[in-house]
Amino acid sequence: MLPDADTARSSVIEFDYQDGVDGKPRPVQMFPLDPARFFLADRERDFALVAVGAEPGTLAQFGFNPLIQAEGKAIIGEFVTIVQHPRGDKKQIALRENRIVDIPERFLHYSADTEPGSSGSPVFNDQWEVVALHHASVRAPQHTEFGGFLNEGVRISRILEFVRAQNLPPHSRGLVDEIVRAERTAPTVPAAVEHEQEVTVRVPLEITVRLGSVESPAAGRTAAPEAISIDPNYSTRGGYDPNFLRVPLPLPRPGTPSLASPELRYHHFSVVMHRERALALFTAVNIDGTQSQSPRRDSDRWILDPRLPAEQQTGEEVYRDNPLDRGHLVRRLDPAWGPLAKAANDDTFHFTNCTPQHHSFNAGQTLWLGLEDYVLKNADTADLAVSVVTGPVLAPDDPEYRGVSLPRQFWKTVAMVKQDGALSVTGYLLSQAALLDEFTEGEEAFSYGAYRTFQVPVRRIAQLTGLDLDPYVAADPLERNEASSLPRELIRPQDLVL
């Protein structure tokens, strides 16, 4: 809406375009914008910040909501509230039945009743903290319960991160300096009805960044998110336990041992890297559903593993200023169980456990991210325990981007012990090939389709990866089914053959 300073200079902002409690329209107050004082726009993050041409005392009557850079304000399954002006009409509020469905790297996905013209609306959590700016609707064919579409908001933490990183002229930098100083003296949050008015108008003047505890008077409590903290003493990590299921299941054996790194052990999981590709050959994690915890996700802080040369790891450079997400191979919450839950959660933020994934792929869950949960809670398991091995298919013709070959396919095996004491190992494939066109030219190879989950024989995964998976193949229920050579698309959990 405000792509440049000239457009902003000829625009105005209106406050109180809404009906009062008596049902009558409130008097609208109009102010010019002042891009000479502050203007910043970014198309990728779909926002613009511009100063308002009015004295602070004049604007004080409308109140404001401090914006918080720390993550952890949004949790999957929580309600959100959207204050909006759809189609340019008076203020409307989308209240209940609006839940967060997914939290990708840069965005927030939620179900909500919005209409065109609501882009830029603040998305609030239940503590009336702004967690995102409403952005657009996106296709989500796996979520048929929402008609195949979800709403997407740009995460506030990503916007503030971008703002603070800009090389602004001195007169604008002064305002950014005020933002940094304000993180220690954040003003009190006013009544919830005033939040939206301030967020949509005064963000460039009064955004407040707070990196410590987040006080929310509307919620009546203080939340102190714990930062990612990684113990530098790696000798304490036990790694993947091959006897975790009480039926031995060793790590896969690389087909070319000289290209594989030594086993890198973390809390409750292990990683083996491909030395030349600088990506994981595979990861392996033990999950104990009886002791699982859900540590709150604070600001992501990914680090290189000091046990491995930096050139054998893919670091931050490949993820900058593009739609590539840092895709966890071992899910953040999978190893987060028992007394070491927080340490194990933090261990998943090593770049060794990270593979470039297109945002739309990383955000499109289908059944991929829920396989472990479904097996733990719904299958005929002897106890709530599974071992999961995950990795990319490192094909020789993967498209190259910034010196890194981007994997088209990802695979996973999920192992459990059934009630009869037999080991069951199932295999799955997921593709992002159709989403990598913007990074390469040429036809994709061996693609089952964009972010669709397929159950396949474990033998097929062994053929694709070159890994020795014989103990896994022997426990695959599809191995005993002659009609199972073709991939089985998974639409519902009930489609799984376990």
Protein backbone atom coordinates (compact mmCIF):
# COMPACT_ATOMS: atom_id res chain seq x y z
CA MET A 1 0.00 0.00 0.00
CA LEU A 2 2.95 2.35 0.71
CA PRO A 3 5.70 1.11 -1.63
CA ASP A 4 7.76 4.31 -1.49
CA ALA A 5 8.12 7.60 0.34
CA ASP A 6 6.36 9.59 -2.41
CA THR A 7 3.23 7.47 -2.02
CA ALA A 8 3.35 7.89 1.74
CA ARG A 9 3.83 11.66 1.41
CA SER A 10 0.53 11.98 -0.46
CA SER A 11 -1.36 9.67 1.93
CA VAL A 12 -3.21 10.28 5.18
CA ILE A 13 -4.18 8.14 8.16
CA GLU A 14 -7.58 8.09 9.87
CA PHE A 15 -8.18 7.25 13.53
CA ASP A 16 -11.49 6.10 15.04
CA TYR A 17 -13.06 4.87 11.81
CA GLN A 18 -15.49 2.75 13.82
CA ASP A 19 -18.83 2.80 15.61
CA GLY A 20 -18.92 3.72 19.28
CA VAL A 21 -20.56 1.74 22.07
CA ASP A 22 -23.81 3.58 21.27
CA GLY A 23 -23.76 2.20 17.73
CA LYS A 24 -23.12 5.60 16.17
CA PRO A 25 -20.05 6.48 14.11
CA ARG A 26 -17.25 8.07 16.09
CA PRO A 27 -15.73 11.31 14.80
CA VAL A 28 -12.79 10.48 12.56
CA GLN A 29 -9.48 12.26 13.10
CA MET A 30 -7.16 12.52 10.11
CA PHE A 31 -3.40 13.16 10.02
CA PRO A 32 -0.82 13.36 7.22
CA LEU A 33 2.09 10.94 7.07
CA ASP A 34 5.67 12.15 7.50
CA PRO A 35 8.04 9.87 5.53
CA ALA A 36 10.81 12.47 5.78
CA ARG A 37 10.98 11.69 9.47
CA PHE A 38 10.80 7.91 9.09
CA PHE A 39 10.00 5.57 6.21
CA LEU A 40 10.90 1.92 5.70
CA ALA A 41 9.16 -0.57 3.41
CA ASP A 42 9.95 -4.19 2.57
CA ARG A 43 8.05 -6.11 -0.09
CA GLU A 44 9.30 -9.54 1.02
CA ARG A 45 7.93 -9.08 4.54
CA ASP A 46 4.96 -7.12 3.18
CA PHE A 47 5.03 -4.15 5.54
CA ALA A 48 5.77 -0.44 5.58
CA LEU A 49 6.59 1.78 8.56
CA VAL A 50 6.01 5.51 8.27
CA ALA A 51 5.92 8.34 10.79
CA VAL A 52 2.67 10.17 11.46
CA GLY A 53 2.67 13.94 11.04
CA ALA A 54 1.32 14.84 14.48
CA GLU A 55 2.69 15.73 17.88
CA PRO A 56 3.06 12.83 20.35
CA GLY A 57 0.62 14.51 22.71
CA THR A 58 -2.02 14.59 19.99
CA LEU A 59 -1.62 10.88 19.32
CA ALA A 60 -1.43 9.88 23.00
CA GLN A 61 -5.22 9.82 23.27
CA PHE A 62 -5.33 6.74 21.07
CA GLY A 63 -2.99 4.62 23.19
CA PHE A 64 -0.50 2.14 21.76
CA ASN A 65 0.67 -1.44 22.02
CA PRO A 66 4.41 -2.16 22.42
CA LEU A 67 5.70 -4.72 19.93
CA ILE A 68 7.91 -7.50 21.28
CA GLN A 69 10.77 -9.07 19.35
CA ALA A 70 11.15 -12.13 21.60
CA GLU A 71 9.60 -15.29 20.19
CA GLY A 72 7.32 -17.67 22.05
CA LYS A 73 4.26 -15.40 21.91
CA ALA A 74 2.43 -17.77 19.54
CA ILE A 75 1.68 -21.43 20.22
CA ILE A 76 0.02 -23.89 17.84
CA GLY A 77 -3.58 -24.42 18.93
CA GLU A 78 -3.90 -21.06 20.68
CA PHE A 79 -6.63 -18.58 19.75
CA VAL A 80 -5.85 -15.37 17.92
CA THR A 81 -7.91 -12.21 17.48
CA ILE A 82 -7.69 -10.02 14.37
CA VAL A 83 -8.71 -6.35 14.38
CA GLN A 84 -9.32 -5.39 10.79
CA HIS A 85 -10.92 -3.04 8.27
CA PRO A 86 -12.04 -5.48 5.54
CA ARG A 87 -12.68 -3.94 2.13
CA GLY A 88 -11.92 -0.52 3.67
CA ASP A 89 -15.01 -0.68 5.91
CA LYS A 90 -15.25 0.28 9.58
CA LYS A 91 -13.34 -1.66 12.19
CA GLN A 92 -14.35 -5.30 12.62
CA ILE A 93 -12.99 -7.90 15.01
CA ALA A 94 -12.56 -11.59 14.18
CA LEU A 95 -12.92 -13.22 17.58
CA ARG A 96 -13.16 -16.94 18.43
CA GLU A 97 -12.60 -20.13 16.42
CA ASN A 98 -9.41 -18.52 15.08
CA ARG A 99 -6.60 -20.89 15.96
CA ILE A 100 -2.91 -21.00 15.13
CA VAL A 101 -2.32 -24.01 12.88
CA ASP A 102 1.39 -23.75 12.09
CA ILE A 103 4.43 -21.55 12.84
CA PRO A 104 6.91 -21.61 9.94
CA GLU A 105 10.18 -19.71 9.99
CA ARG A 106 8.86 -16.31 8.86
CA PHE A 107 5.10 -16.59 9.07
CA LEU A 108 2.17 -17.58 11.24
CA HIS A 109 -0.62 -19.76 9.81
CA TYR A 110 -4.07 -19.60 11.38
CA SER A 111 -7.72 -20.15 10.63
CA ALA A 112 -9.71 -16.93 10.72
CA ASP A 113 -12.64 -15.17 9.07
CA THR A 114 -11.02 -12.36 7.08
CA GLU A 115 -11.84 -10.68 3.78
CA PRO A 116 -9.81 -8.86 1.13
CA GLY A 117 -8.52 -5.54 2.43
CA SER A 118 -7.54 -6.93 5.82
CA SER A 119 -3.85 -7.21 5.00
CA GLY A 120 -1.72 -5.41 7.55
CA SER A 121 -4.18 -6.02 10.39
CA PRO A 122 -2.63 -6.91 13.75
CA VAL A 123 -2.99 -10.51 14.90
CA PHE A 124 -3.18 -10.74 18.71
CA ASN A 125 -2.66 -13.68 21.04
CA ASP A 126 -4.78 -14.17 24.15
CA GLN A 127 -2.50 -11.84 26.13
CA TRP A 128 -3.18 -9.06 23.58
CA GLU A 129 0.40 -9.19 22.35
CA VAL A 130 0.81 -8.63 18.60
CA VAL A 131 2.18 -11.85 17.13
CA ALA A 132 1.85 -11.09 13.39
CA LEU A 133 0.64 -8.69 10.72
CA HIS A 134 -2.07 -10.32 8.60
CA HIS A 135 -0.65 -10.94 5.16
CA ALA A 136 -2.75 -13.12 2.83
CA SER A 137 -4.55 -16.40 2.44
CA VAL A 138 -2.43 -19.34 1.27
CA ARG A 139 -3.27 -22.70 -0.18
CA ALA A 140 -3.21 -25.55 2.32
CA PRO A 141 -4.70 -28.55 0.50
CA GLN A 142 -3.84 -30.82 3.42
CA HIS A 143 -6.20 -28.86 5.69
CA THR A 144 -9.53 -29.81 4.18
CA GLU A 145 -11.21 -28.89 7.45
CA PHE A 146 -10.49 -25.24 6.54
CA GLY A 147 -11.48 -25.58 2.90
CA GLY A 148 -7.89 -26.02 1.72
CA PHE A 149 -6.84 -22.48 2.66
CA LEU A 150 -5.26 -20.86 5.72
CA ASN A 151 -4.53 -17.26 6.63
CA GLU A 152 -0.92 -16.16 6.82
CA GLY A 153 0.61 -13.40 8.92
CA VAL A 154 4.17 -12.07 8.90
CA ARG A 155 5.68 -12.75 12.32
CA ILE A 156 6.30 -9.58 14.33
CA SER A 157 9.64 -10.95 15.54
CA ARG A 158 10.84 -11.17 11.92
CA ILE A 159 9.71 -7.62 11.15
CA LEU A 160 11.47 -6.16 14.18
CA GLU A 161 14.58 -8.19 13.41
CA PHE A 162 14.60 -6.67 9.92
CA VAL A 163 14.03 -3.11 11.18
CA ARG A 164 16.89 -3.24 13.65
CA ALA A 165 19.28 -4.60 11.00
CA GLN A 166 18.80 -1.71 8.53
CA ASN A 167 21.48 0.83 7.65
CA LEU A 168 19.26 3.87 8.04
CA PRO A 169 20.18 7.55 7.59
CA PRO A 170 21.09 9.38 10.80
CA HIS A 171 17.73 11.08 11.35
CA SER A 172 15.92 7.73 11.02
CA ARG A 173 18.58 5.87 13.00
CA GLY A 174 17.75 8.14 15.91
CA LEU A 175 14.27 6.65 16.04
CA VAL A 176 15.71 3.13 15.90
CA ASP A 177 18.00 4.06 18.79
CA GLU A 178 14.90 5.10 20.70
CA ILE A 179 13.41 1.67 20.01
CA VAL A 180 16.48 -0.03 21.46
CA ARG A 181 16.46 2.15 24.57
CA ALA A 182 12.75 1.61 24.98
CA GLU A 183 13.23 -2.11 25.56
CA ARG A 184 14.16 -1.32 29.16
CA THR A 185 11.34 1.16 29.75
CA ALA A 186 8.38 -0.20 27.86
CA PRO A 187 5.13 1.66 28.55
CA THR A 188 2.13 -0.04 30.06
CA VAL A 189 -0.25 -1.73 27.62
CA PRO A 190 -3.58 0.12 27.57
CA ALA A 191 -7.04 -1.33 27.18
CA ALA A 192 -7.32 -3.95 24.46
CA VAL A 193 -9.75 -1.93 22.36
CA GLU A 194 -7.05 0.72 21.85
CA HIS A 195 -4.34 -1.68 20.67
CA GLU A 196 -5.27 -1.87 17.05
CA GLN A 197 -5.50 1.88 16.63
CA GLU A 198 -1.92 2.35 17.77
CA VAL A 199 -0.42 -0.62 15.97
CA THR A 200 -1.75 0.38 12.57
CA VAL A 201 -0.64 3.99 12.85
CA ARG A 202 2.21 4.55 15.28
CA VAL A 203 4.37 1.51 14.79
CA PRO A 204 7.20 3.56 13.23
CA LEU A 205 7.17 6.04 16.10
CA GLU A 206 6.73 3.88 19.14
CA ILE A 207 7.58 0.22 18.49
CA THR A 208 9.06 -1.22 21.62
CA VAL A 209 11.56 -4.07 21.50
CA ARG A 210 11.94 -6.07 24.70
CA LEU A 211 14.34 -8.98 24.83
CA GLY A 212 13.81 -9.97 28.46
CA SER A 213 10.62 -10.90 30.26
CA VAL A 214 7.40 -9.74 28.64
CA GLU A 215 4.98 -7.97 30.93
CA SER A 216 1.37 -8.05 29.78
CA PRO A 217 -0.98 -6.22 32.18
CA ALA A 218 -3.92 -7.41 30.09
CA ALA A 219 -3.02 -10.96 31.04
CA GLY A 220 -2.06 -10.14 34.61
CA ARG A 221 1.14 -12.18 34.53
CA THR A 222 4.78 -12.09 33.50
CA ALA A 223 6.18 -14.68 31.09
CA ALA A 224 9.92 -15.25 30.97
CA PRO A 225 10.86 -17.18 27.82
CA GLU A 226 14.06 -19.15 28.15
CA ALA A 227 16.68 -18.45 25.51
CA ILE A 228 18.35 -21.17 23.47
CA SER A 229 21.34 -22.26 25.53
CA ILE A 230 23.67 -24.98 24.26
CA ASP A 231 26.06 -26.74 26.64
CA PRO A 232 29.58 -26.55 25.12
CA ASN A 233 30.53 -29.85 26.82
CA TYR A 234 29.48 -32.33 24.16
CA SER A 235 30.79 -35.30 26.12
CA THR A 236 27.56 -35.24 28.13
CA ARG A 237 25.41 -36.20 25.11
CA GLY A 238 24.24 -39.80 24.96
CA GLY A 239 22.91 -39.65 21.41
CA TYR A 240 20.57 -42.15 19.79
CA ASP A 241 20.06 -45.34 21.83
CA PRO A 242 19.80 -48.42 19.54
CA ASN A 243 18.23 -50.41 22.42
CA PHE A 244 15.62 -47.78 23.27
CA LEU A 245 12.72 -49.92 22.00
CA ARG A 246 14.10 -53.02 23.80
CA VAL A 247 14.39 -54.58 20.33
CA PRO A 248 17.79 -53.64 18.87
CA LEU A 249 17.64 -51.18 15.98
CA PRO A 250 21.10 -49.84 15.03
CA LEU A 251 21.84 -46.66 13.16
CA PRO A 252 21.80 -46.99 9.36
CA ARG A 253 25.18 -47.73 7.81
CA PRO A 254 26.37 -45.33 5.08
CA GLY A 255 26.92 -46.89 1.68
CA THR A 256 30.14 -44.88 1.27
CA PRO A 257 31.69 -44.67 4.76
CA SER A 258 34.45 -42.29 3.65
CA LEU A 259 31.84 -39.58 2.91
CA ALA A 260 30.14 -39.92 6.28
CA SER A 261 31.13 -37.99 9.38
CA PRO A 262 31.48 -39.72 12.74
CA GLU A 263 28.22 -39.99 14.70
CA LEU A 264 27.49 -36.60 16.28
CA ARG A 265 25.69 -37.29 19.55
CA TYR A 266 23.19 -34.90 21.09
CA HIS A 267 20.66 -35.33 23.89
CA HIS A 268 18.34 -38.19 22.77
CA PHE A 269 19.36 -37.98 19.10
CA SER A 270 22.31 -38.37 16.74
CA VAL A 271 23.31 -36.93 13.36
CA VAL A 272 25.62 -38.34 10.67
CA MET A 273 26.73 -35.75 8.10
CA HIS A 274 27.70 -36.05 4.43
CA ARG A 275 31.16 -34.46 4.31
CA GLU A 276 30.92 -33.19 0.71
CA ARG A 277 27.28 -32.09 0.66
CA ALA A 278 27.62 -30.46 4.13
CA LEU A 279 24.14 -31.72 5.00
CA ALA A 280 22.92 -34.55 7.17
CA LEU A 281 22.96 -38.03 5.72
CA PHE A 282 20.42 -38.86 8.40
CA THR A 283 19.29 -38.04 11.92
CA ALA A 284 18.01 -40.56 14.48
CA VAL A 285 15.96 -39.72 17.58
CA ASN A 286 14.39 -41.64 20.45
CA ILE A 287 10.98 -40.31 21.59
CA ASP A 288 9.48 -41.19 24.98
CA GLY A 289 5.84 -40.13 24.93
CA THR A 290 5.39 -40.85 28.64
CA GLN A 291 7.91 -38.12 29.59
CA SER A 292 7.37 -35.63 26.76
CA GLN A 293 7.48 -31.91 27.50
CA SER A 294 6.85 -28.78 25.42
CA PRO A 295 9.56 -26.21 26.11
CA ARG A 296 8.51 -22.79 24.94
CA ARG A 297 10.17 -21.72 21.68
CA ASP A 298 12.17 -18.55 22.18
CA SER A 299 14.30 -16.72 19.61
CA ASP A 300 15.88 -19.24 17.25
CA ARG A 301 19.66 -19.25 17.58
CA TRP A 302 21.23 -21.73 15.20
CA ILE A 303 24.91 -22.62 15.69
CA LEU A 304 27.55 -24.69 13.94
CA ASP A 305 28.72 -27.84 15.69
CA PRO A 306 32.32 -27.21 16.83
CA ARG A 307 33.14 -30.91 16.51
CA LEU A 308 32.95 -30.70 12.71
CA PRO A 309 34.81 -28.36 10.31
CA ALA A 310 32.66 -25.40 9.31
CA GLU A 311 33.01 -26.26 5.59
CA GLN A 312 31.27 -29.59 6.28
CA GLN A 313 28.16 -27.81 7.59
CA THR A 314 25.63 -25.61 5.79
CA GLY A 315 25.30 -22.41 7.81
CA GLU A 316 23.35 -19.17 7.77
CA GLU A 317 24.42 -17.79 4.39
CA VAL A 318 22.15 -20.04 2.30
CA TYR A 319 19.04 -18.91 4.22
CA ARG A 320 19.40 -15.13 3.92
CA ASP A 321 16.83 -13.07 1.99
CA ASN A 322 14.98 -15.88 0.23
CA PRO A 323 12.06 -18.27 0.83
CA LEU A 324 14.30 -20.99 2.30
CA ASP A 325 13.56 -22.02 5.90
CA ARG A 326 15.91 -23.74 8.32
CA GLY A 327 14.08 -27.04 8.33
CA HIS A 328 14.48 -29.17 11.46
CA LEU A 329 15.16 -32.82 10.61
CA VAL A 330 14.74 -33.94 14.21
CA ARG A 331 11.62 -32.06 15.28
CA ARG A 332 12.26 -29.63 18.09
CA LEU A 333 9.93 -31.38 20.55
CA ASP A 334 10.79 -34.99 19.66
CA PRO A 335 13.83 -35.30 21.99
CA ALA A 336 12.31 -32.93 24.59
CA TRP A 337 11.46 -35.48 27.25
CA GLY A 338 12.65 -36.35 30.73
CA PRO A 339 15.06 -34.27 32.83
CA LEU A 340 17.04 -33.27 29.74
CA ALA A 341 14.01 -31.91 27.85
CA LYS A 342 15.17 -28.28 27.65
CA ALA A 343 18.76 -29.21 26.76
CA ALA A 344 17.54 -31.63 24.07
CA ASN A 345 15.17 -29.00 22.66
CA ASP A 346 18.08 -26.55 22.38
CA ASP A 347 20.34 -29.18 20.79
CA THR A 348 18.00 -29.34 17.78
CA PHE A 349 19.17 -25.83 16.81
CA HIS A 350 22.52 -27.04 15.50
CA PHE A 351 22.95 -26.47 11.75
CA THR A 352 23.81 -30.17 11.48
CA ASN A 353 20.10 -30.83 12.20
CA CYS A 354 19.00 -28.29 9.61
CA THR A 355 18.28 -28.70 5.90
CA PRO A 356 17.14 -25.97 3.46
CA GLN A 357 13.42 -26.27 2.92
CA HIS A 358 11.23 -23.98 0.87
CA HIS A 359 8.90 -21.99 3.11
CA SER A 360 5.78 -23.39 1.47
CA PHE A 361 7.13 -26.91 1.96
CA ASN A 362 8.17 -26.33 5.56
CA ALA A 363 4.78 -24.75 6.31
CA GLY A 364 2.73 -27.43 4.55
CA GLN A 365 2.43 -30.13 7.13
CA THR A 366 0.18 -32.77 5.51
CA LEU A 367 0.81 -35.79 7.74
CA TRP A 368 4.60 -35.45 7.63
CA LEU A 369 5.14 -33.58 10.89
CA GLY A 370 2.42 -35.51 12.68
CA LEU A 371 3.60 -39.04 11.95
CA GLU A 372 5.51 -39.42 15.22
CA ASP A 373 2.58 -38.12 17.25
CA TYR A 374 0.10 -40.38 15.51
CA VAL A 375 2.20 -43.51 16.03
CA LEU A 376 2.80 -42.61 19.67
CA LYS A 377 -0.81 -41.94 20.55
CA ASN A 378 -2.93 -44.02 18.20
CA ALA A 379 -1.05 -47.10 16.99
CA ASP A 380 -1.03 -50.51 18.64
CA THR A 381 2.23 -49.84 20.46
CA ALA A 382 3.49 -51.75 23.47
CA ASP A 383 4.35 -48.40 25.12
CA LEU A 384 4.57 -44.76 24.13
CA ALA A 385 8.00 -44.97 22.53
CA VAL A 386 9.20 -44.64 18.95
CA SER A 387 12.53 -44.21 17.19
CA VAL A 388 12.57 -41.98 14.12
CA VAL A 389 15.26 -41.74 11.45
CA THR A 390 14.99 -38.80 9.02
CA GLY A 391 17.09 -37.36 6.24
CA PRO A 392 17.22 -35.73 2.82
CA VAL A 393 17.60 -37.69 -0.40
CA LEU A 394 20.98 -36.38 -1.56
CA ALA A 395 20.67 -36.87 -5.31
CA PRO A 396 23.55 -35.99 -7.68
CA ASP A 397 21.35 -33.69 -9.78
CA ASP A 398 19.87 -31.64 -6.94
CA PRO A 399 19.71 -27.94 -7.91
CA GLU A 400 22.64 -25.85 -6.67
CA TYR A 401 22.07 -22.55 -4.89
CA ARG A 402 24.77 -20.43 -3.24
CA GLY A 403 27.13 -23.38 -3.38
CA VAL A 404 24.66 -25.76 -1.70
CA SER A 405 22.76 -28.50 -3.53
CA LEU A 406 19.15 -28.28 -2.36
CA PRO A 407 17.54 -31.68 -1.65
CA ARG A 408 14.31 -32.34 -3.53
CA GLN A 409 13.09 -35.21 -1.37
CA PHE A 410 13.00 -36.07 2.31
CA TRP A 411 12.51 -39.46 3.91
CA LYS A 412 11.59 -40.78 7.31
CA THR A 413 11.32 -44.15 9.05
CA VAL A 414 9.24 -44.59 12.21
CA ALA A 415 9.91 -47.63 14.39
CA MET A 416 7.78 -48.97 17.24
CA VAL A 417 7.22 -52.21 19.11
CA LYS A 418 3.66 -53.48 18.81
CA GLN A 419 1.61 -55.11 21.52
CA ASP A 420 2.66 -58.56 20.34
CA GLY A 421 6.32 -57.62 20.86
CA ALA A 422 7.15 -57.39 17.14
CA LEU A 423 9.16 -54.51 15.73
CA SER A 424 7.36 -52.45 13.06
CA VAL A 425 9.25 -49.94 10.88
CA THR A 426 7.43 -47.85 8.28
CA GLY A 427 8.90 -45.56 5.62
CA TYR A 428 7.73 -42.23 4.20
CA LEU A 429 8.75 -39.79 1.45
CA LEU A 430 7.95 -36.13 0.92
CA SER A 431 9.00 -33.89 -1.99
CA GLN A 432 9.70 -30.18 -2.38
CA ALA A 433 10.85 -30.57 -5.99
CA ALA A 434 8.00 -28.59 -7.50
CA LEU A 435 8.81 -25.66 -5.18
CA LEU A 436 12.47 -25.31 -6.17
CA ASP A 437 11.81 -24.00 -9.68
CA GLU A 438 12.79 -20.48 -8.64
CA PHE A 439 16.25 -21.75 -7.66
CA THR A 440 17.02 -23.80 -10.75
CA GLU A 441 16.00 -24.61 -14.31
CA GLY A 442 15.24 -28.01 -15.75
CA GLU A 443 12.81 -30.81 -15.09
CA GLU A 444 12.47 -32.32 -11.64
CA ALA A 445 13.32 -35.97 -11.20
CA PHE A 446 11.46 -38.56 -9.16
CA SER A 447 8.88 -36.25 -7.63
CA TYR A 448 5.74 -37.55 -6.00
CA GLY A 449 4.46 -33.99 -5.85
CA ALA A 450 4.86 -30.91 -3.73
CA TYR A 451 4.60 -31.48 0.02
CA ARG A 452 2.42 -34.59 -0.17
CA THR A 453 3.20 -37.45 2.20
CA PHE A 454 3.60 -41.00 0.86
CA GLN A 455 4.17 -44.27 2.66
CA VAL A 456 6.69 -46.32 0.71
CA PRO A 457 8.55 -49.56 1.33
CA VAL A 458 11.63 -48.98 3.45
CA ARG A 459 13.55 -50.86 0.75
CA ARG A 460 12.78 -47.97 -1.62
CA ILE A 461 14.36 -45.49 0.82
CA ALA A 462 17.47 -47.67 1.01
CA GLN A 463 17.70 -47.62 -2.80
CA LEU A 464 17.33 -43.82 -2.96
CA THR A 465 19.83 -43.04 -0.20
CA GLY A 466 22.38 -45.84 -0.54
CA LEU A 467 22.08 -46.51 3.20
CA ASP A 468 22.16 -50.03 4.63
CA LEU A 469 18.70 -50.32 6.19
CA ASP A 470 18.44 -54.12 6.32
CA PRO A 471 17.16 -54.30 9.95
CA TYR A 472 14.55 -51.67 9.04
CA VAL A 473 13.50 -53.44 5.85
CA ALA A 474 13.03 -56.71 7.75
CA ALA A 475 10.50 -55.04 10.09
CA ASP A 476 8.54 -53.21 7.37
CA PRO A 477 4.90 -54.42 7.13
CA LEU A 478 4.86 -53.41 3.46
CA GLU A 479 7.68 -55.87 2.81
CA ARG A 480 5.21 -58.70 3.38
CA ASN A 481 2.56 -57.16 1.14
CA GLU A 482 3.08 -57.99 -2.53
CA ALA A 483 0.71 -55.20 -3.62
CA SER A 484 2.69 -52.50 -1.80
CA SER A 485 5.37 -51.66 -4.37
CA LEU A 486 3.66 -48.39 -5.33
CA PRO A 487 3.69 -45.39 -2.99
CA ARG A 488 0.60 -44.91 -0.83
CA GLU A 489 -0.48 -41.27 -0.52
CA LEU A 490 -1.48 -40.46 3.05
CA ILE A 491 -4.56 -38.25 3.31
CA ARG A 492 -5.61 -39.37 6.80
CA PRO A 493 -3.71 -41.11 9.59
CA GLN A 494 -5.94 -44.11 9.03
CA ASP A 495 -4.21 -44.61 5.66
CA LEU A 496 -1.02 -45.75 7.41
CA VAL A 497 -0.07 -49.44 7.29
CA LEU A 498 1.73 -50.13 10.56
